[in-house]
Amino acid sequence: MAKNDLQISEWAHRAKAGERDAQHQLIRVFHESIFRMVWYRLRSHADAEDLTQDIFMQMLKSLSRLKDPARFRPW
């Protein structure tokens, strides 16, 4: 597991425990790539922003169901 993956796993573990700083770190790390993926499909900046926000809100609501923080990236 790469160093970056270890850090993401640690943040995911802490985020699952409710640590807001870890949640913010995960959002910071994945925001650009998620936004790009969504924008590529929608071709609307405003809609991509809205959907990206929805994706992260759903992620925060679902963290309790994350079984293995080391698998956060594909989850």
N, C-alpha and C. Protein backbone atom coordinates (compact mmCIF):
# COMPACT_ATOMS: atom_id res chain seq x y z
N MET A 1 0.86 -1.18 0.00
CA MET A 1 0.00 0.00 0.00
C MET A 1 0.90 1.24 0.00
N ALA A 2 0.65 2.17 -0.90
CA ALA A 2 1.45 3.38 -1.02
C ALA A 2 1.21 4.29 0.17
N LYS A 3 2.17 5.17 0.41
CA LYS A 3 2.06 6.10 1.53
C LYS A 3 0.76 6.90 1.44
N ASN A 4 0.43 7.40 0.26
CA ASN A 4 -0.79 8.16 0.08
C ASN A 4 -2.01 7.32 0.44
N ASP A 5 -2.01 6.06 0.03
CA ASP A 5 -3.13 5.16 0.36
C ASP A 5 -3.22 4.92 1.86
N LEU A 6 -2.08 4.84 2.53
CA LEU A 6 -2.09 4.67 3.98
C LEU A 6 -2.69 5.89 4.66
N GLN A 7 -2.35 7.09 4.16
CA GLN A 7 -2.90 8.31 4.73
C GLN A 7 -4.41 8.37 4.51
N ILE A 8 -4.86 8.00 3.32
CA ILE A 8 -6.29 7.99 3.02
C ILE A 8 -7.01 6.99 3.92
N SER A 9 -6.41 5.83 4.10
CA SER A 9 -6.99 4.82 4.99
C SER A 9 -7.11 5.35 6.42
N GLU A 10 -6.08 6.03 6.89
CA GLU A 10 -6.11 6.61 8.24
C GLU A 10 -7.20 7.67 8.35
N TRP A 11 -7.28 8.55 7.36
CA TRP A 11 -8.34 9.57 7.37
C TRP A 11 -9.71 8.93 7.34
N ALA A 12 -9.88 7.88 6.53
CA ALA A 12 -11.17 7.20 6.44
C ALA A 12 -11.55 6.58 7.79
N HIS A 13 -10.58 5.98 8.44
CA HIS A 13 -10.82 5.39 9.76
C HIS A 13 -11.25 6.47 10.75
N ARG A 14 -10.53 7.59 10.76
CA ARG A 14 -10.85 8.69 11.68
C ARG A 14 -12.17 9.35 11.30
N ALA A 15 -12.43 9.49 9.98
CA ALA A 15 -13.68 10.10 9.52
C ALA A 15 -14.87 9.24 9.94
N LYS A 16 -14.71 7.94 9.84
CA LYS A 16 -15.77 7.01 10.24
C LYS A 16 -16.08 7.17 11.73
N ALA A 17 -15.05 7.50 12.50
CA ALA A 17 -15.22 7.71 13.94
C ALA A 17 -15.81 9.09 14.25
N GLY A 18 -16.02 9.90 13.20
CA GLY A 18 -16.67 11.20 13.40
C GLY A 18 -15.74 12.40 13.43
N GLU A 19 -14.46 12.20 13.18
CA GLU A 19 -13.51 13.32 13.21
C GLU A 19 -13.71 14.20 11.98
N ARG A 20 -14.14 15.44 12.21
CA ARG A 20 -14.43 16.35 11.12
C ARG A 20 -13.19 16.72 10.31
N ASP A 21 -12.05 16.86 10.97
CA ASP A 21 -10.83 17.20 10.23
C ASP A 21 -10.50 16.12 9.21
N ALA A 22 -10.65 14.87 9.59
CA ALA A 22 -10.39 13.76 8.67
C ALA A 22 -11.41 13.75 7.54
N GLN A 23 -12.66 14.06 7.84
CA GLN A 23 -13.68 14.14 6.80
C GLN A 23 -13.31 15.23 5.79
N HIS A 24 -12.89 16.38 6.30
CA HIS A 24 -12.49 17.50 5.42
C HIS A 24 -11.27 17.12 4.58
N GLN A 25 -10.35 16.38 5.14
CA GLN A 25 -9.17 15.96 4.39
C GLN A 25 -9.57 15.05 3.23
N LEU A 26 -10.47 14.13 3.47
CA LEU A 26 -10.93 13.24 2.39
C LEU A 26 -11.62 14.03 1.28
N ILE A 27 -12.44 14.98 1.67
CA ILE A 27 -13.12 15.82 0.68
C ILE A 27 -12.09 16.62 -0.11
N ARG A 28 -11.10 17.18 0.58
CA ARG A 28 -10.07 17.97 -0.09
C ARG A 28 -9.31 17.13 -1.10
N VAL A 29 -8.97 15.91 -0.73
CA VAL A 29 -8.19 15.03 -1.60
C VAL A 29 -8.99 14.58 -2.83
N PHE A 30 -10.26 14.29 -2.65
CA PHE A 30 -11.05 13.70 -3.74
C PHE A 30 -11.93 14.70 -4.50
N HIS A 31 -12.06 15.90 -4.02
CA HIS A 31 -12.98 16.86 -4.63
C HIS A 31 -12.69 17.09 -6.11
N GLU A 32 -11.47 17.40 -6.45
CA GLU A 32 -11.16 17.72 -7.85
C GLU A 32 -11.44 16.56 -8.79
N SER A 33 -11.02 15.36 -8.41
CA SER A 33 -11.23 14.23 -9.33
C SER A 33 -12.72 13.87 -9.46
N ILE A 34 -13.46 13.98 -8.37
CA ILE A 34 -14.90 13.70 -8.43
C ILE A 34 -15.58 14.76 -9.30
N PHE A 35 -15.23 16.04 -9.06
CA PHE A 35 -15.83 17.11 -9.85
C PHE A 35 -15.54 16.92 -11.33
N ARG A 36 -14.29 16.61 -11.68
CA ARG A 36 -13.93 16.42 -13.08
C ARG A 36 -14.73 15.29 -13.72
N MET A 37 -14.85 14.19 -13.01
CA MET A 37 -15.60 13.05 -13.53
C MET A 37 -17.06 13.44 -13.79
N VAL A 38 -17.67 14.14 -12.83
CA VAL A 38 -19.06 14.55 -12.97
C VAL A 38 -19.21 15.57 -14.09
N TRP A 39 -18.33 16.57 -14.13
CA TRP A 39 -18.42 17.59 -15.17
C TRP A 39 -18.28 16.97 -16.55
N TYR A 40 -17.38 16.01 -16.69
CA TYR A 40 -17.17 15.36 -17.98
C TYR A 40 -18.46 14.72 -18.49
N ARG A 41 -19.25 14.20 -17.58
CA ARG A 41 -20.49 13.54 -17.98
C ARG A 41 -21.64 14.53 -18.19
N LEU A 42 -21.68 15.60 -17.39
CA LEU A 42 -22.80 16.54 -17.45
C LEU A 42 -22.53 17.75 -18.34
N ARG A 43 -21.29 18.15 -18.45
CA ARG A 43 -20.90 19.34 -19.22
C ARG A 43 -21.61 20.61 -18.75
N SER A 44 -21.92 20.64 -17.48
CA SER A 44 -22.53 21.83 -16.86
C SER A 44 -21.81 22.08 -15.54
N HIS A 45 -21.17 23.24 -15.44
CA HIS A 45 -20.40 23.55 -14.24
C HIS A 45 -21.30 23.58 -13.00
N ALA A 46 -22.43 24.26 -13.10
CA ALA A 46 -23.34 24.39 -11.95
C ALA A 46 -23.89 23.03 -11.53
N ASP A 47 -24.31 22.23 -12.50
CA ASP A 47 -24.84 20.91 -12.17
C ASP A 47 -23.75 20.01 -11.59
N ALA A 48 -22.54 20.12 -12.11
CA ALA A 48 -21.42 19.32 -11.60
C ALA A 48 -21.10 19.71 -10.16
N GLU A 49 -21.14 21.00 -9.87
CA GLU A 49 -20.91 21.45 -8.48
C GLU A 49 -21.97 20.87 -7.55
N ASP A 50 -23.25 20.96 -7.97
CA ASP A 50 -24.34 20.44 -7.14
C ASP A 50 -24.22 18.94 -6.91
N LEU A 51 -23.95 18.20 -7.97
CA LEU A 51 -23.86 16.75 -7.85
C LEU A 51 -22.63 16.34 -7.03
N THR A 52 -21.53 17.05 -7.20
CA THR A 52 -20.33 16.77 -6.40
C THR A 52 -20.62 16.96 -4.93
N GLN A 53 -21.32 18.05 -4.60
CA GLN A 53 -21.70 18.28 -3.20
C GLN A 53 -22.60 17.15 -2.71
N ASP A 54 -23.56 16.75 -3.52
CA ASP A 54 -24.44 15.65 -3.12
C ASP A 54 -23.66 14.35 -2.88
N ILE A 55 -22.68 14.10 -3.72
CA ILE A 55 -21.85 12.89 -3.57
C ILE A 55 -21.14 12.91 -2.22
N PHE A 56 -20.56 14.06 -1.86
CA PHE A 56 -19.84 14.13 -0.58
C PHE A 56 -20.79 14.10 0.61
N MET A 57 -21.97 14.66 0.47
CA MET A 57 -22.96 14.57 1.55
C MET A 57 -23.36 13.11 1.77
N GLN A 58 -23.56 12.39 0.68
CA GLN A 58 -23.91 10.96 0.78
C GLN A 58 -22.75 10.17 1.39
N MET A 59 -21.52 10.53 1.01
CA MET A 59 -20.35 9.86 1.59
C MET A 59 -20.33 10.05 3.11
N LEU A 60 -20.57 11.27 3.56
CA LEU A 60 -20.55 11.53 5.00
C LEU A 60 -21.66 10.77 5.72
N LYS A 61 -22.83 10.69 5.12
CA LYS A 61 -23.94 9.96 5.72
C LYS A 61 -23.69 8.45 5.77
N SER A 62 -22.90 7.94 4.82
CA SER A 62 -22.69 6.50 4.67
C SER A 62 -21.41 5.99 5.31
N LEU A 63 -20.60 6.86 5.86
CA LEU A 63 -19.31 6.42 6.42
C LEU A 63 -19.45 5.31 7.45
N SER A 64 -20.53 5.32 8.19
CA SER A 64 -20.71 4.28 9.22
C SER A 64 -20.79 2.88 8.62
N ARG A 65 -21.14 2.79 7.33
CA ARG A 65 -21.25 1.48 6.66
C ARG A 65 -19.95 1.05 5.97
N LEU A 66 -18.93 1.90 6.03
CA LEU A 66 -17.63 1.54 5.45
C LEU A 66 -17.01 0.45 6.30
N LYS A 67 -16.86 -0.74 5.72
CA LYS A 67 -16.35 -1.88 6.49
C LYS A 67 -14.84 -1.86 6.63
N ASP A 68 -14.13 -1.47 5.58
CA ASP A 68 -12.68 -1.50 5.59
C ASP A 68 -12.14 -0.15 5.12
N PRO A 69 -11.68 0.70 6.05
CA PRO A 69 -11.15 2.01 5.67
C PRO A 69 -10.02 1.95 4.65
N ALA A 70 -9.31 0.83 4.58
CA ALA A 70 -8.25 0.69 3.58
C ALA A 70 -8.83 0.62 2.17
N ARG A 71 -10.12 0.34 2.05
CA ARG A 71 -10.79 0.25 0.74
C ARG A 71 -11.62 1.50 0.45
N PHE A 72 -11.30 2.62 1.12
CA PHE A 72 -12.08 3.84 0.95
C PHE A 72 -12.11 4.30 -0.51
N ARG A 73 -10.96 4.32 -1.16
CA ARG A 73 -10.89 4.85 -2.54
C ARG A 73 -11.90 4.16 -3.46
N PRO A 74 -11.95 2.84 -3.56
CA PRO A 74 -12.95 2.23 -4.45
C PRO A 74 -14.37 2.29 -3.89
N TRP A 75 -14.50 2.41 -2.59
CA TRP A 75 -15.81 2.48 -1.96
C TRP A 75 -16.52 3.73 -2.42
